[in-house]
Protein backbone atom coordinates (compact mmCIF):
# COMPACT_ATOMS: atom_id res chain seq x y z
CA UNK A 1 123.75 103.78 91.20
CA UNK A 2 122.83 102.07 87.94
CA UNK A 3 121.01 104.25 85.41
CA UNK A 4 117.60 102.70 84.59
CA UNK A 5 117.11 101.53 81.02
CA UNK A 6 114.23 103.03 79.13
CA UNK A 7 111.76 100.65 77.48
CA UNK A 8 111.24 103.41 74.89
CA UNK A 9 114.81 103.25 73.51
CA UNK A 10 113.93 101.24 70.36
CA UNK A 11 111.14 103.67 69.36
CA UNK A 12 112.66 106.90 70.66
CA UNK A 13 113.10 109.30 67.73
CA UNK A 14 114.09 112.80 68.90
CA UNK A 15 113.13 115.69 66.67
CA UNK A 16 110.06 117.08 64.93
CA UNK A 17 107.24 114.92 63.59
CA UNK A 18 103.85 115.44 61.93
CA UNK A 19 102.10 118.57 60.71
CA UNK A 20 103.73 121.85 61.79
CA UNK A 21 101.55 124.20 59.72
CA UNK A 22 100.29 125.84 62.94
CA UNK A 23 103.49 125.31 64.96
CA UNK A 24 104.32 122.69 67.59
CA UNK A 25 101.16 121.31 69.15
CA UNK A 26 102.79 119.14 71.81
CA UNK A 27 106.13 118.00 73.13
CA UNK A 28 106.53 114.34 74.12
CA UNK A 29 109.21 113.24 76.54
CA UNK A 30 110.01 110.52 79.02
CA UNK A 31 110.56 111.58 82.59
CA UNK A 32 112.37 109.23 84.91
CA UNK A 33 111.29 109.94 88.48
CA UNK A 34 113.28 108.27 91.22
CA UNK A 35 110.16 106.75 92.78
CA UNK A 36 106.65 105.78 91.75
CA UNK A 37 104.71 104.36 94.69
CA UNK A 38 101.15 103.37 95.50
CA UNK A 39 99.83 103.80 99.03
CA UNK A 40 96.49 102.29 100.04
CA UNK A 41 94.57 102.70 103.29
CA UNK A 42 92.57 100.04 105.05
CA UNK A 43 88.88 100.95 105.33
CA UNK A 44 88.42 103.80 107.80
CA UNK A 45 92.13 104.68 107.93
CA UNK A 46 92.21 107.11 104.98
CA UNK A 47 92.83 110.26 107.04
CA UNK A 48 95.74 108.61 108.87
CA UNK A 49 97.24 107.54 105.55
CA UNK A 50 96.95 111.06 104.15
CA UNK A 51 98.62 112.45 107.29
CA UNK A 52 101.47 109.93 106.92
CA UNK A 53 101.91 110.90 103.26
CA UNK A 54 102.07 114.58 104.25
CA UNK A 55 104.67 113.80 106.92
CA UNK A 56 106.82 111.76 104.51
CA UNK A 57 106.58 113.95 101.42
CA UNK A 58 105.54 117.43 102.52
CA UNK A 59 102.60 117.22 100.09
CA UNK A 60 99.19 118.34 101.35
CA UNK A 61 97.02 115.77 99.65
CA UNK A 62 93.26 116.30 99.41
CA UNK A 63 91.08 113.27 100.15
CA UNK A 64 89.17 111.61 97.32
CA UNK A 65 89.69 109.82 94.04
CA UNK A 66 91.11 112.18 91.45
CA UNK A 67 92.13 114.88 93.92
CA UNK A 68 95.83 115.59 93.97
CA UNK A 69 98.78 117.91 94.16
CA UNK A 70 101.97 118.44 92.15
CA UNK A 71 104.95 120.70 92.85
CA UNK A 72 108.69 120.64 92.19
CA UNK A 73 108.76 117.17 90.65
CA UNK A 74 106.74 115.61 93.50
CA UNK A 75 103.14 114.62 93.05
CA UNK A 76 100.32 112.56 94.48
CA UNK A 77 96.73 111.91 93.46
CA UNK A 78 93.86 109.64 94.38
CA UNK A 79 93.41 106.71 91.99
CA UNK A 80 90.54 105.11 93.92
CA UNK A 81 88.94 105.55 97.34
CA UNK A 82 91.78 105.36 99.87
CA UNK A 83 94.44 104.68 97.20
CA UNK A 84 97.04 107.15 95.99
CA UNK A 85 99.81 107.22 93.39
CA UNK A 86 102.87 109.16 94.54
CA UNK A 87 105.87 110.31 92.53
CA UNK A 88 109.16 111.78 93.76
CA UNK A 89 112.53 112.54 92.18
CA UNK A 90 114.23 110.87 95.16
CA UNK A 91 114.58 107.10 94.92
CA UNK A 92 113.73 106.41 98.60
CA UNK A 93 110.03 107.35 98.66
CA UNK A 94 108.84 103.77 99.29
CA UNK A 95 111.21 103.45 102.25
CA UNK A 96 110.05 106.76 103.76
CA UNK A 97 106.39 105.83 103.33
CA UNK A 98 106.87 102.36 104.85
CA UNK A 99 108.44 104.00 107.89
CA UNK A 100 105.50 106.42 108.25
CA UNK A 101 102.58 104.10 107.42
CA UNK A 102 101.97 101.47 110.09
CA UNK A 103 100.70 98.07 108.96
CA UNK A 104 97.33 98.72 110.61
CA UNK A 105 96.86 101.92 108.52
CA UNK A 106 97.60 100.63 105.04
CA UNK A 107 100.07 99.30 102.51
CA UNK A 108 102.89 100.69 100.36
CA UNK A 109 103.83 99.20 96.98
CA UNK A 110 106.90 100.38 95.06
CA UNK A 111 105.98 100.56 91.35
CA UNK A 112 109.17 102.29 90.17
CA UNK A 113 110.47 99.24 88.31
CA UNK A 114 107.14 98.54 86.60
CA UNK A 115 106.06 101.93 85.25
CA UNK A 116 107.22 104.32 82.55
CA UNK A 117 106.38 108.02 82.78
CA UNK A 118 105.57 109.88 79.58
CA UNK A 119 105.00 113.62 79.59
CA UNK A 120 102.83 115.39 77.02
CA UNK A 121 103.00 119.18 77.13
CA UNK A 122 101.88 122.01 74.95
CA UNK A 123 98.84 123.93 73.77
CA UNK A 124 97.24 120.85 72.16
CA UNK A 125 97.94 118.37 74.99
CA UNK A 126 94.31 118.29 76.14
CA UNK A 127 93.11 117.79 72.56
CA UNK A 128 95.52 114.90 71.85
CA UNK A 129 94.64 113.13 75.12
CA UNK A 130 90.92 113.56 74.39
CA UNK A 131 91.43 111.53 71.21
CA UNK A 132 92.52 108.58 73.37
CA UNK A 133 90.47 108.85 76.56
CA UNK A 134 86.80 109.73 77.16
CA UNK A 135 87.73 112.26 79.85
CA UNK A 136 87.19 116.02 80.10
CA UNK A 137 90.78 117.31 80.20
CA UNK A 138 89.77 121.00 80.26
CA UNK A 139 91.43 122.89 83.10
CA UNK A 140 88.23 123.60 85.10
CA UNK A 141 87.25 119.89 85.05
CA UNK A 142 90.81 118.54 85.43
CA UNK A 143 92.77 121.07 87.54
CA UNK A 144 96.54 121.08 88.08
CA UNK A 145 97.50 118.29 90.48
CA UNK A 146 94.45 116.14 89.86
CA UNK A 147 94.67 112.74 88.27
CA UNK A 148 92.78 109.74 87.02
CA UNK A 149 93.28 106.01 86.52
CA UNK A 150 91.86 104.86 83.19
CA UNK A 151 92.45 102.63 80.16
CA UNK A 152 92.85 103.01 76.43
CA UNK A 153 91.76 99.69 74.97
CA UNK A 154 93.81 97.28 77.11
CA UNK A 155 96.52 99.75 78.17
CA UNK A 156 96.11 100.92 81.76
CA UNK A 157 97.21 104.53 82.34
CA UNK A 158 97.33 106.83 85.33
CA UNK A 159 97.33 110.48 84.29
CA UNK A 160 98.20 113.54 86.38
CA UNK A 161 98.01 117.15 85.25
CA UNK A 162 101.35 118.69 86.30
CA UNK A 163 100.87 122.17 84.82
CA UNK A 164 98.28 124.11 82.84
CA UNK A 165 99.34 122.44 79.59
CA UNK A 166 101.30 119.42 80.84
CA UNK A 167 100.30 115.88 81.82
CA UNK A 168 102.34 112.92 83.09
CA UNK A 169 101.11 109.50 82.01
CA UNK A 170 102.16 106.41 83.99
CA UNK A 171 101.91 103.18 81.99
CA UNK A 172 103.16 99.64 82.52
CA UNK A 173 106.70 99.29 81.16
CA UNK A 174 105.59 96.28 79.09
CA UNK A 175 103.10 98.51 77.21
CA UNK A 176 105.28 101.64 77.04
CA UNK A 177 106.47 101.21 73.43
CA UNK A 178 102.99 100.55 72.07
CA UNK A 179 101.53 103.44 74.03
CA UNK A 180 104.34 105.79 72.92
CA UNK A 181 103.76 104.95 69.25
CA UNK A 182 100.01 105.41 69.63
CA UNK A 183 100.52 108.77 71.35
CA UNK A 184 102.83 109.88 68.55
CA UNK A 185 100.30 108.88 65.89
CA UNK A 186 97.60 110.78 67.78
CA UNK A 187 99.82 113.89 67.90
CA UNK A 188 100.88 113.87 64.23
CA UNK A 189 97.92 116.00 63.22
CA UNK A 190 99.01 118.90 65.48
CA UNK A 191 102.78 118.43 65.08
CA UNK A 192 104.92 117.12 67.91
CA UNK A 193 108.50 117.21 69.08
CA UNK A 194 110.27 114.45 70.96
CA UNK A 195 112.72 115.72 73.55
């Protein structure tokens, strides 16, 4: 298997950056899941799609935009009514979903080649993200597993909370460098590490 190339390589600068007067505010890293897939149900077939996702992934996915689940490197969340973004460390998720989701239930689109996953973690992760997006990232409003599809200026981002102080951000590979630099600038104030 060929190792995927990161679009972040030219701007990737491991180490400590920004203001560390109060310690490390966030850690920025790139995760490289094996699969990033979108599954969409035809109108009225949402429950069948969710059942097929559960069968293929083992994830119990709640219905509704924003609702989601994340465990052991596998996640799924609603990005719109009847549409879900799914992530798995295995590289065959699209194949498994296509086998489980009949053409009269919905569609499956493999996005693995077109997305970059950036993780922001740490005690100031919510604060840094709030500088970029007009979203309430507080734990009660944005629980673990939930997600959202949004934009920062013209950069489309899908964000899932993967832990109490950790978020995965899925952005188009063509915008990954610009988004990474912007995220770093936003985190300078609280001090960040690149790992």
